[in-house]
Amino acid sequence: MIEPHIDESFEIIKGRKDAGLVLICDHARNCLPDEYGTLGLDPSQFKRHIAYDIGMEAITRQMAAGLGVPAVLSKFSRLLIDPNRGTDDPTLIMRISDGAVVPGNRHVDEAERQRRMTRYYTPYHNAIDRVVESCLATKRAPALLSMHSFTQSWKGRPRPWHVAVLWDADARLPHALLDALRQDEALVVGDNEPYTGNLTGDTMWQHGTQRNLAHAIIEVRQDLIGDEAGQELWARRFVAIMND
């Protein structure tokens, strides 16, 4: 059994090592450490997608409980540092995000970048490594499922997809998820929409591609999961799919 653990930068939710699945939620929280205040932003900005993936913490927790699998969740806003980016990605620390200038990030120097890496980014990824390695030790390789959400519109254009599966070159898990989701004819399902899962250095690349583990990113439209009812509905849907 993977035991629960809470740290400054991450939380591990308990689950069976041999369950064959690890859940990951890179953008679970919209909070910042006290010393960073609000990074100079109006607090209302932290209710937006620029700060976290709306609805996904609750869904990931419910899925972990329903499936009996371990999960790793971040405990810091992506505005501090984005754990779903490579260390050399220019969007690792965003200075402007969807029209919002982030004053506290405008003049981040190398020392501050390294400080955020050391305190938040690296411990989070080390936690994923430990969970995955513990699962691998059972001789049953886990699939990795990364849980995200996306906005219902972008630059004034509506996004029709209810849910999407993002992936790169490994089709094992994505194709199975796409087939299962498309069984519900009421759903508009995106295949690498509204953006691609081909992002070198991201979480799935680091922990899935580099280990040759089956992996995929799930994206759910945020207006569908902004309340408890929507979160419960989608969590049940994913539990049923992963149990099938």
C-alpha atoms as a PDB file:
ATOM      1  CA  MET A   1       0.000   0.000   0.000  1.00  0.00           C
ATOM      2  CA  ILE A   2       1.169   3.519  -0.828  1.00  0.00           C
ATOM      3  CA  GLU A   3       0.726   5.428   2.414  1.00  0.00           C
ATOM      4  CA  PRO A   4      -0.735   8.948   2.528  1.00  0.00           C
ATOM      5  CA  HIS A   5       1.707  11.798   2.962  1.00  0.00           C
ATOM      6  CA  ILE A   6       1.370  15.587   3.044  1.00  0.00           C
ATOM      7  CA  ASP A   7       4.285  17.910   2.367  1.00  0.00           C
ATOM      8  CA  GLU A   8       4.713  21.590   1.623  1.00  0.00           C
ATOM      9  CA  SER A   9       4.518  21.069  -2.126  1.00  0.00           C
ATOM     10  CA  PHE A  10       2.551  17.851  -2.616  1.00  0.00           C
ATOM     11  CA  GLU A  11       0.066  15.383  -1.182  1.00  0.00           C
ATOM     12  CA  ILE A  12       0.104  11.644  -1.737  1.00  0.00           C
ATOM     13  CA  ILE A  13      -3.239   9.865  -1.474  1.00  0.00           C
ATOM     14  CA  LYS A  14      -3.085   6.244  -0.378  1.00  0.00           C
ATOM     15  CA  GLY A  15      -3.731   3.410  -2.770  1.00  0.00           C
ATOM     16  CA  ARG A  16      -2.627  -0.071  -3.722  1.00  0.00           C
ATOM     17  CA  LYS A  17       0.834  -0.390  -5.181  1.00  0.00           C
ATOM     18  CA  ASP A  18      -0.318  -3.202  -7.457  1.00  0.00           C
ATOM     19  CA  ALA A  19      -3.491  -1.499  -8.696  1.00  0.00           C
ATOM     20  CA  GLY A  20      -1.933  -0.781 -12.096  1.00  0.00           C
ATOM     21  CA  LEU A  21      -2.739   2.930 -12.057  1.00  0.00           C
ATOM     22  CA  VAL A  22      -1.376   6.152 -10.583  1.00  0.00           C
ATOM     23  CA  LEU A  23      -3.356   9.394 -10.742  1.00  0.00           C
ATOM     24  CA  ILE A  24      -1.577  12.736 -11.004  1.00  0.00           C
ATOM     25  CA  CYS A  25      -3.036  16.213 -10.568  1.00  0.00           C
ATOM     26  CA  ASP A  26      -0.479  18.879 -11.471  1.00  0.00           C
ATOM     27  CA  HIS A  27      -2.731  21.897 -10.924  1.00  0.00           C
ATOM     28  CA  ALA A  28      -4.842  20.810  -7.959  1.00  0.00           C
ATOM     29  CA  ARG A  29      -4.584  23.971  -5.850  1.00  0.00           C
ATOM     30  CA  ASN A  30      -4.825  27.731  -6.321  1.00  0.00           C
ATOM     31  CA  CYS A  31      -2.913  28.673  -3.159  1.00  0.00           C
ATOM     32  CA  LEU A  32       0.482  30.255  -2.608  1.00  0.00           C
ATOM     33  CA  PRO A  33       2.939  30.156   0.300  1.00  0.00           C
ATOM     34  CA  ASP A  34       2.390  33.066   2.686  1.00  0.00           C
ATOM     35  CA  GLU A  35       5.626  34.849   1.777  1.00  0.00           C
ATOM     36  CA  TYR A  36       4.459  35.244  -1.821  1.00  0.00           C
ATOM     37  CA  GLY A  37       1.163  36.881  -0.916  1.00  0.00           C
ATOM     38  CA  THR A  38      -0.856  37.010  -4.127  1.00  0.00           C
ATOM     39  CA  LEU A  39       2.146  37.697  -6.388  1.00  0.00           C
ATOM     40  CA  GLY A  40       0.649  41.178  -6.720  1.00  0.00           C
ATOM     41  CA  LEU A  41      -2.533  39.879  -8.347  1.00  0.00           C
ATOM     42  CA  ASP A  42      -6.062  40.722  -7.320  1.00  0.00           C
ATOM     43  CA  PRO A  43      -7.334  37.742  -5.276  1.00  0.00           C
ATOM     44  CA  SER A  44     -10.138  37.231  -7.790  1.00  0.00           C
ATOM     45  CA  GLN A  45      -7.560  36.003 -10.311  1.00  0.00           C
ATOM     46  CA  PHE A  46      -7.041  32.909  -8.198  1.00  0.00           C
ATOM     47  CA  LYS A  47     -10.563  31.752  -9.019  1.00  0.00           C
ATOM     48  CA  ARG A  48      -9.553  31.500 -12.677  1.00  0.00           C
ATOM     49  CA  HIS A  49      -7.906  28.734 -14.644  1.00  0.00           C
ATOM     50  CA  ILE A  50      -4.639  30.661 -14.657  1.00  0.00           C
ATOM     51  CA  ALA A  51      -4.181  29.652 -11.015  1.00  0.00           C
ATOM     52  CA  TYR A  52      -5.293  25.990 -11.071  1.00  0.00           C
ATOM     53  CA  ASP A  53      -7.369  23.360 -12.847  1.00  0.00           C
ATOM     54  CA  ILE A  54     -10.882  24.038 -11.615  1.00  0.00           C
ATOM     55  CA  GLY A  55     -12.666  20.943 -10.315  1.00  0.00           C
ATOM     56  CA  MET A  56      -9.795  18.515 -10.695  1.00  0.00           C
ATOM     57  CA  GLU A  57      -8.670  18.115  -7.093  1.00  0.00           C
ATOM     58  CA  ALA A  58     -12.092  16.818  -6.065  1.00  0.00           C
ATOM     59  CA  ILE A  59     -12.364  14.528  -9.082  1.00  0.00           C
ATOM     60  CA  THR A  60      -8.890  13.079  -8.509  1.00  0.00           C
ATOM     61  CA  ARG A  61      -9.620  12.417  -4.832  1.00  0.00           C
ATOM     62  CA  GLN A  62     -12.908  10.705  -5.633  1.00  0.00           C
ATOM     63  CA  MET A  63     -11.305   8.607  -8.343  1.00  0.00           C
ATOM     64  CA  ALA A  64      -8.468   7.533  -6.040  1.00  0.00           C
ATOM     65  CA  ALA A  65     -10.992   6.483  -3.404  1.00  0.00           C
ATOM     66  CA  GLY A  66     -13.293   4.755  -5.898  1.00  0.00           C
ATOM     67  CA  LEU A  67     -10.513   2.839  -7.611  1.00  0.00           C
ATOM     68  CA  GLY A  68      -8.262   2.235  -4.616  1.00  0.00           C
ATOM     69  CA  VAL A  69      -5.274   3.715  -6.451  1.00  0.00           C
ATOM     70  CA  PRO A  70      -2.598   6.159  -5.302  1.00  0.00           C
ATOM     71  CA  ALA A  71      -2.589   9.773  -6.415  1.00  0.00           C
ATOM     72  CA  VAL A  72      -0.123  12.640  -6.239  1.00  0.00           C
ATOM     73  CA  LEU A  73      -1.479  16.204  -6.102  1.00  0.00           C
ATOM     74  CA  SER A  74       0.344  19.517  -6.128  1.00  0.00           C
ATOM     75  CA  LYS A  75      -0.240  21.941  -3.251  1.00  0.00           C
ATOM     76  CA  PHE A  76       0.771  25.190  -4.953  1.00  0.00           C
ATOM     77  CA  SER A  77      -0.666  27.358  -7.686  1.00  0.00           C
ATOM     78  CA  ARG A  78       0.733  27.013 -11.171  1.00  0.00           C
ATOM     79  CA  LEU A  79       1.328  30.776 -10.989  1.00  0.00           C
ATOM     80  CA  LEU A  80       4.202  30.118  -8.576  1.00  0.00           C
ATOM     81  CA  ILE A  81       5.815  27.550 -10.861  1.00  0.00           C
ATOM     82  CA  ASP A  82       4.132  25.160 -13.269  1.00  0.00           C
ATOM     83  CA  PRO A  83       4.936  21.521 -12.488  1.00  0.00           C
ATOM     84  CA  ASN A  84       3.571  20.464 -15.882  1.00  0.00           C
ATOM     85  CA  ARG A  85       6.452  22.118 -17.722  1.00  0.00           C
ATOM     86  CA  GLY A  86      10.026  21.157 -18.432  1.00  0.00           C
ATOM     87  CA  THR A  87      12.701  22.966 -16.474  1.00  0.00           C
ATOM     88  CA  ASP A  88      13.833  24.851 -19.574  1.00  0.00           C
ATOM     89  CA  ASP A  89      10.308  25.816 -20.701  1.00  0.00           C
ATOM     90  CA  PRO A  90       9.818  29.613 -20.911  1.00  0.00           C
ATOM     91  CA  THR A  91       6.302  29.192 -19.436  1.00  0.00           C
ATOM     92  CA  LEU A  92       7.623  27.474 -16.303  1.00  0.00           C
ATOM     93  CA  ILE A  93       7.061  30.742 -14.405  1.00  0.00           C
ATOM     94  CA  MET A  94       4.456  32.846 -16.144  1.00  0.00           C
ATOM     95  CA  ARG A  95       4.838  36.619 -16.301  1.00  0.00           C
ATOM     96  CA  ILE A  96       1.591  37.071 -18.224  1.00  0.00           C
ATOM     97  CA  SER A  97      -1.175  34.464 -18.166  1.00  0.00           C
ATOM     98  CA  ASP A  98      -4.320  34.837 -20.277  1.00  0.00           C
ATOM     99  CA  GLY A  99      -4.174  38.624 -20.127  1.00  0.00           C
ATOM    100  CA  ALA A 100      -3.219  38.851 -16.441  1.00  0.00           C
ATOM    101  CA  VAL A 101       0.162  40.392 -15.714  1.00  0.00           C
ATOM    102  CA  VAL A 102       1.723  38.671 -12.688  1.00  0.00           C
ATOM    103  CA  PRO A 103       3.716  41.395 -10.874  1.00  0.00           C
ATOM    104  CA  GLY A 104       5.462  38.957  -8.546  1.00  0.00           C
ATOM    105  CA  ASN A 105       6.866  37.044 -11.519  1.00  0.00           C
ATOM    106  CA  ARG A 106       7.965  39.957 -13.683  1.00  0.00           C
ATOM    107  CA  HIS A 107      11.474  40.164 -12.284  1.00  0.00           C
ATOM    108  CA  VAL A 108      12.188  36.596 -11.186  1.00  0.00           C
ATOM    109  CA  ASP A 109      15.949  36.062 -11.357  1.00  0.00           C
ATOM    110  CA  GLU A 110      17.856  32.781 -11.520  1.00  0.00           C
ATOM    111  CA  ALA A 111      18.221  32.575  -7.739  1.00  0.00           C
ATOM    112  CA  GLU A 112      14.454  32.900  -7.221  1.00  0.00           C
ATOM    113  CA  ARG A 113      13.769  30.464 -10.041  1.00  0.00           C
ATOM    114  CA  GLN A 114      16.038  27.908  -8.368  1.00  0.00           C
ATOM    115  CA  ARG A 115      14.404  28.569  -4.992  1.00  0.00           C
ATOM    116  CA  ARG A 116      10.977  27.751  -6.384  1.00  0.00           C
ATOM    117  CA  MET A 117      12.360  24.719  -8.173  1.00  0.00           C
ATOM    118  CA  THR A 118      14.000  23.399  -5.014  1.00  0.00           C
ATOM    119  CA  ARG A 119      11.060  24.006  -2.660  1.00  0.00           C
ATOM    120  CA  TYR A 120       8.102  23.139  -4.883  1.00  0.00           C
ATOM    121  CA  TYR A 121       8.760  21.768  -8.369  1.00  0.00           C
ATOM    122  CA  THR A 122      11.439  19.186  -7.571  1.00  0.00           C
ATOM    123  CA  PRO A 123       9.835  17.719  -4.408  1.00  0.00           C
ATOM    124  CA  TYR A 124       6.567  17.295  -6.298  1.00  0.00           C
ATOM    125  CA  HIS A 125       8.220  15.356  -9.104  1.00  0.00           C
ATOM    126  CA  ASN A 126      10.322  13.371  -6.647  1.00  0.00           C
ATOM    127  CA  ALA A 127       7.072  12.331  -4.942  1.00  0.00           C
ATOM    128  CA  ILE A 128       5.697  11.062  -8.261  1.00  0.00           C
ATOM    129  CA  ASP A 129       8.954   9.174  -8.832  1.00  0.00           C
ATOM    130  CA  ARG A 130       8.716   7.479  -5.438  1.00  0.00           C
ATOM    131  CA  VAL A 131       5.118   6.419  -5.948  1.00  0.00           C
ATOM    132  CA  VAL A 132       5.784   5.094  -9.449  1.00  0.00           C
ATOM    133  CA  GLU A 133       8.914   3.215  -8.350  1.00  0.00           C
ATOM    134  CA  SER A 134       7.025   1.648  -5.438  1.00  0.00           C
ATOM    135  CA  CYS A 135       4.350   0.474  -7.864  1.00  0.00           C
ATOM    136  CA  LEU A 136       6.932  -0.891 -10.291  1.00  0.00           C
ATOM    137  CA  ALA A 137       8.468  -2.924  -7.461  1.00  0.00           C
ATOM    138  CA  THR A 138       5.293  -5.047  -7.398  1.00  0.00           C
ATOM    139  CA  LYS A 139       6.122  -6.195 -10.939  1.00  0.00           C
ATOM    140  CA  ARG A 140       2.858  -4.709 -12.193  1.00  0.00           C
ATOM    141  CA  ALA A 141       3.697  -1.606 -14.193  1.00  0.00           C
ATOM    142  CA  PRO A 142       1.257   1.229 -13.486  1.00  0.00           C
ATOM    143  CA  ALA A 143      -0.415   3.352 -16.128  1.00  0.00           C
ATOM    144  CA  LEU A 144      -0.280   7.079 -15.414  1.00  0.00           C
ATOM    145  CA  LEU A 145      -3.364   9.259 -15.764  1.00  0.00           C
ATOM    146  CA  SER A 146      -2.899  13.006 -15.437  1.00  0.00           C
ATOM    147  CA  MET A 147      -6.052  14.944 -14.568  1.00  0.00           C
ATOM    148  CA  HIS A 148      -6.642  18.464 -15.951  1.00  0.00           C
ATOM    149  CA  SER A 149      -9.454  20.827 -16.937  1.00  0.00           C
ATOM    150  CA  PHE A 150      -9.833  23.457 -19.651  1.00  0.00           C
ATOM    151  CA  THR A 151     -11.854  26.630 -20.119  1.00  0.00           C
ATOM    152  CA  GLN A 152     -15.147  26.607 -22.015  1.00  0.00           C
ATOM    153  CA  SER A 153     -13.931  29.359 -24.330  1.00  0.00           C
ATOM    154  CA  TRP A 154     -10.620  30.796 -25.442  1.00  0.00           C
ATOM    155  CA  LYS A 155     -10.156  34.318 -26.807  1.00  0.00           C
ATOM    156  CA  GLY A 156     -13.911  34.578 -27.351  1.00  0.00           C
ATOM    157  CA  ARG A 157     -14.258  31.278 -29.182  1.00  0.00           C
ATOM    158  CA  PRO A 158     -16.318  28.521 -27.521  1.00  0.00           C
ATOM    159  CA  ARG A 159     -14.793  25.092 -27.084  1.00  0.00           C
ATOM    160  CA  PRO A 160     -17.294  22.359 -27.994  1.00  0.00           C
ATOM    161  CA  TRP A 161     -15.538  19.415 -26.357  1.00  0.00           C
ATOM    162  CA  HIS A 162     -16.903  18.120 -23.073  1.00  0.00           C
ATOM    163  CA  VAL A 163     -13.824  16.037 -22.433  1.00  0.00           C
ATOM    164  CA  ALA A 164     -10.575  15.332 -24.199  1.00  0.00           C
ATOM    165  CA  VAL A 165      -7.704  12.883 -24.134  1.00  0.00           C
ATOM    166  CA  LEU A 166      -4.249  14.304 -24.776  1.00  0.00           C
ATOM    167  CA  TRP A 167      -1.336  12.125 -25.737  1.00  0.00           C
ATOM    168  CA  ASP A 168       1.930  11.938 -27.659  1.00  0.00           C
ATOM    169  CA  ALA A 169       3.302   8.772 -29.262  1.00  0.00           C
ATOM    170  CA  ASP A 170       2.060   6.063 -26.882  1.00  0.00           C
ATOM    171  CA  ALA A 171      -1.490   5.123 -27.894  1.00  0.00           C
ATOM    172  CA  ARG A 172      -2.097   2.298 -25.404  1.00  0.00           C
ATOM    173  CA  LEU A 173      -4.091   4.195 -22.788  1.00  0.00           C
ATOM    174  CA  PRO A 174      -5.356   7.108 -24.942  1.00  0.00           C
ATOM    175  CA  HIS A 175      -7.096   4.890 -27.499  1.00  0.00           C
ATOM    176  CA  ALA A 176      -8.808   2.875 -24.778  1.00  0.00           C
ATOM    177  CA  LEU A 177     -10.004   6.057 -23.062  1.00  0.00           C
ATOM    178  CA  LEU A 178     -11.225   7.597 -26.313  1.00  0.00           C
ATOM    179  CA  ASP A 179     -13.152   4.449 -27.224  1.00  0.00           C
ATOM    180  CA  ALA A 180     -14.782   4.321 -23.787  1.00  0.00           C
ATOM    181  CA  LEU A 181     -15.746   8.006 -23.721  1.00  0.00           C
ATOM    182  CA  ARG A 182     -17.207   7.836 -27.227  1.00  0.00           C
ATOM    183  CA  GLN A 183     -19.640   5.164 -26.086  1.00  0.00           C
ATOM    184  CA  ASP A 184     -21.691   8.061 -24.709  1.00  0.00           C
ATOM    185  CA  GLU A 185     -23.063   9.716 -27.852  1.00  0.00           C
ATOM    186  CA  ALA A 186     -24.019  12.834 -25.876  1.00  0.00           C
ATOM    187  CA  LEU A 187     -20.355  13.641 -25.293  1.00  0.00           C
ATOM    188  CA  VAL A 188     -18.185  15.644 -27.650  1.00  0.00           C
ATOM    189  CA  VAL A 189     -14.803  14.013 -27.160  1.00  0.00           C
ATOM    190  CA  GLY A 190     -11.559  15.645 -28.210  1.00  0.00           C
ATOM    191  CA  ASP A 191      -8.539  13.720 -29.420  1.00  0.00           C
ATOM    192  CA  ASN A 192      -5.595  16.036 -28.675  1.00  0.00           C
ATOM    193  CA  GLU A 193      -8.033  18.948 -28.551  1.00  0.00           C
ATOM    194  CA  PRO A 194      -8.078  21.825 -27.673  1.00  0.00           C
ATOM    195  CA  TYR A 195      -4.326  21.312 -27.556  1.00  0.00           C
ATOM    196  CA  THR A 196      -1.848  18.506 -28.042  1.00  0.00           C
ATOM    197  CA  GLY A 197      -0.322  16.250 -25.429  1.00  0.00           C
ATOM    198  CA  ASN A 198       3.013  16.372 -27.226  1.00  0.00           C
ATOM    199  CA  LEU A 199       4.976  18.533 -24.794  1.00  0.00           C
ATOM    200  CA  THR A 200       8.556  17.496 -24.156  1.00  0.00           C
ATOM    201  CA  GLY A 201       9.466  17.919 -20.514  1.00  0.00           C
ATOM    202  CA  ASP A 202       5.918  17.880 -19.128  1.00  0.00           C
ATOM    203  CA  THR A 203       4.796  15.552 -16.353  1.00  0.00           C
ATOM    204  CA  MET A 204       3.728  12.716 -18.633  1.00  0.00           C
ATOM    205  CA  TRP A 205       6.981  12.967 -20.597  1.00  0.00           C
ATOM    206  CA  GLN A 206       9.037  12.895 -17.403  1.00  0.00           C
ATOM    207  CA  HIS A 207       7.278  10.011 -15.702  1.00  0.00           C
ATOM    208  CA  GLY A 208       5.544   8.103 -18.496  1.00  0.00           C
ATOM    209  CA  THR A 209       7.529   8.455 -21.695  1.00  0.00           C
ATOM    210  CA  GLN A 210      10.910   8.144 -20.003  1.00  0.00           C
ATOM    211  CA  ARG A 211       9.853   4.872 -18.307  1.00  0.00           C
ATOM    212  CA  ASN A 212       7.839   3.515 -21.269  1.00  0.00           C
ATOM    213  CA  LEU A 213       4.712   3.419 -19.099  1.00  0.00           C
ATOM    214  CA  ALA A 214       1.240   3.737 -20.608  1.00  0.00           C
ATOM    215  CA  HIS A 215       0.007   7.252 -19.934  1.00  0.00           C
ATOM    216  CA  ALA A 216      -2.522   9.890 -20.931  1.00  0.00           C
ATOM    217  CA  ILE A 217      -3.876  13.289 -19.964  1.00  0.00           C
ATOM    218  CA  ILE A 218      -7.575  13.750 -19.288  1.00  0.00           C
ATOM    219  CA  GLU A 219      -9.063  17.226 -19.790  1.00  0.00           C
ATOM    220  CA  VAL A 220     -12.627  18.084 -18.728  1.00  0.00           C
ATOM    221  CA  ARG A 221     -14.333  21.360 -19.596  1.00  0.00           C
ATOM    222  CA  GLN A 222     -14.483  23.521 -16.494  1.00  0.00           C
ATOM    223  CA  ASP A 223     -18.099  24.641 -16.708  1.00  0.00           C
ATOM    224  CA  LEU A 224     -19.101  20.977 -16.357  1.00  0.00           C
ATOM    225  CA  ILE A 225     -17.179  20.443 -13.111  1.00  0.00           C
ATOM    226  CA  GLY A 226     -17.464  23.754 -11.290  1.00  0.00           C
ATOM    227  CA  ASP A 227     -19.693  22.337  -8.567  1.00  0.00           C
ATOM    228  CA  GLU A 228     -19.892  19.180  -6.455  1.00  0.00           C
ATOM    229  CA  ALA A 229     -22.589  17.576  -8.605  1.00  0.00           C
ATOM    230  CA  GLY A 230     -20.518  17.890 -11.750  1.00  0.00           C
ATOM    231  CA  GLN A 231     -17.372  16.689 -10.028  1.00  0.00           C
ATOM    232  CA  GLU A 232     -19.150  13.625  -8.652  1.00  0.00           C
ATOM    233  CA  LEU A 233     -20.696  12.818 -12.042  1.00  0.00           C
ATOM    234  CA  TRP A 234     -17.369  12.925 -13.861  1.00  0.00           C
ATOM    235  CA  ALA A 235     -15.524  11.083 -11.116  1.00  0.00           C
ATOM    236  CA  ARG A 236     -18.079   8.264 -11.311  1.00  0.00           C
ATOM    237  CA  ARG A 237     -17.765   8.229 -15.084  1.00  0.00           C
ATOM    238  CA  PHE A 238     -13.981   7.839 -14.945  1.00  0.00           C
ATOM    239  CA  VAL A 239     -14.136   5.229 -12.192  1.00  0.00           C
ATOM    240  CA  ALA A 240     -16.524   3.170 -14.316  1.00  0.00           C
ATOM    241  CA  ILE A 241     -14.256   3.506 -17.362  1.00  0.00           C
ATOM    242  CA  MET A 242     -11.093   2.543 -15.482  1.00  0.00           C
ATOM    243  CA  ASN A 243     -12.862  -0.412 -13.858  1.00  0.00           C
ATOM    244  CA  ASP A 244     -14.157  -1.720 -17.182  1.00  0.00           C
END
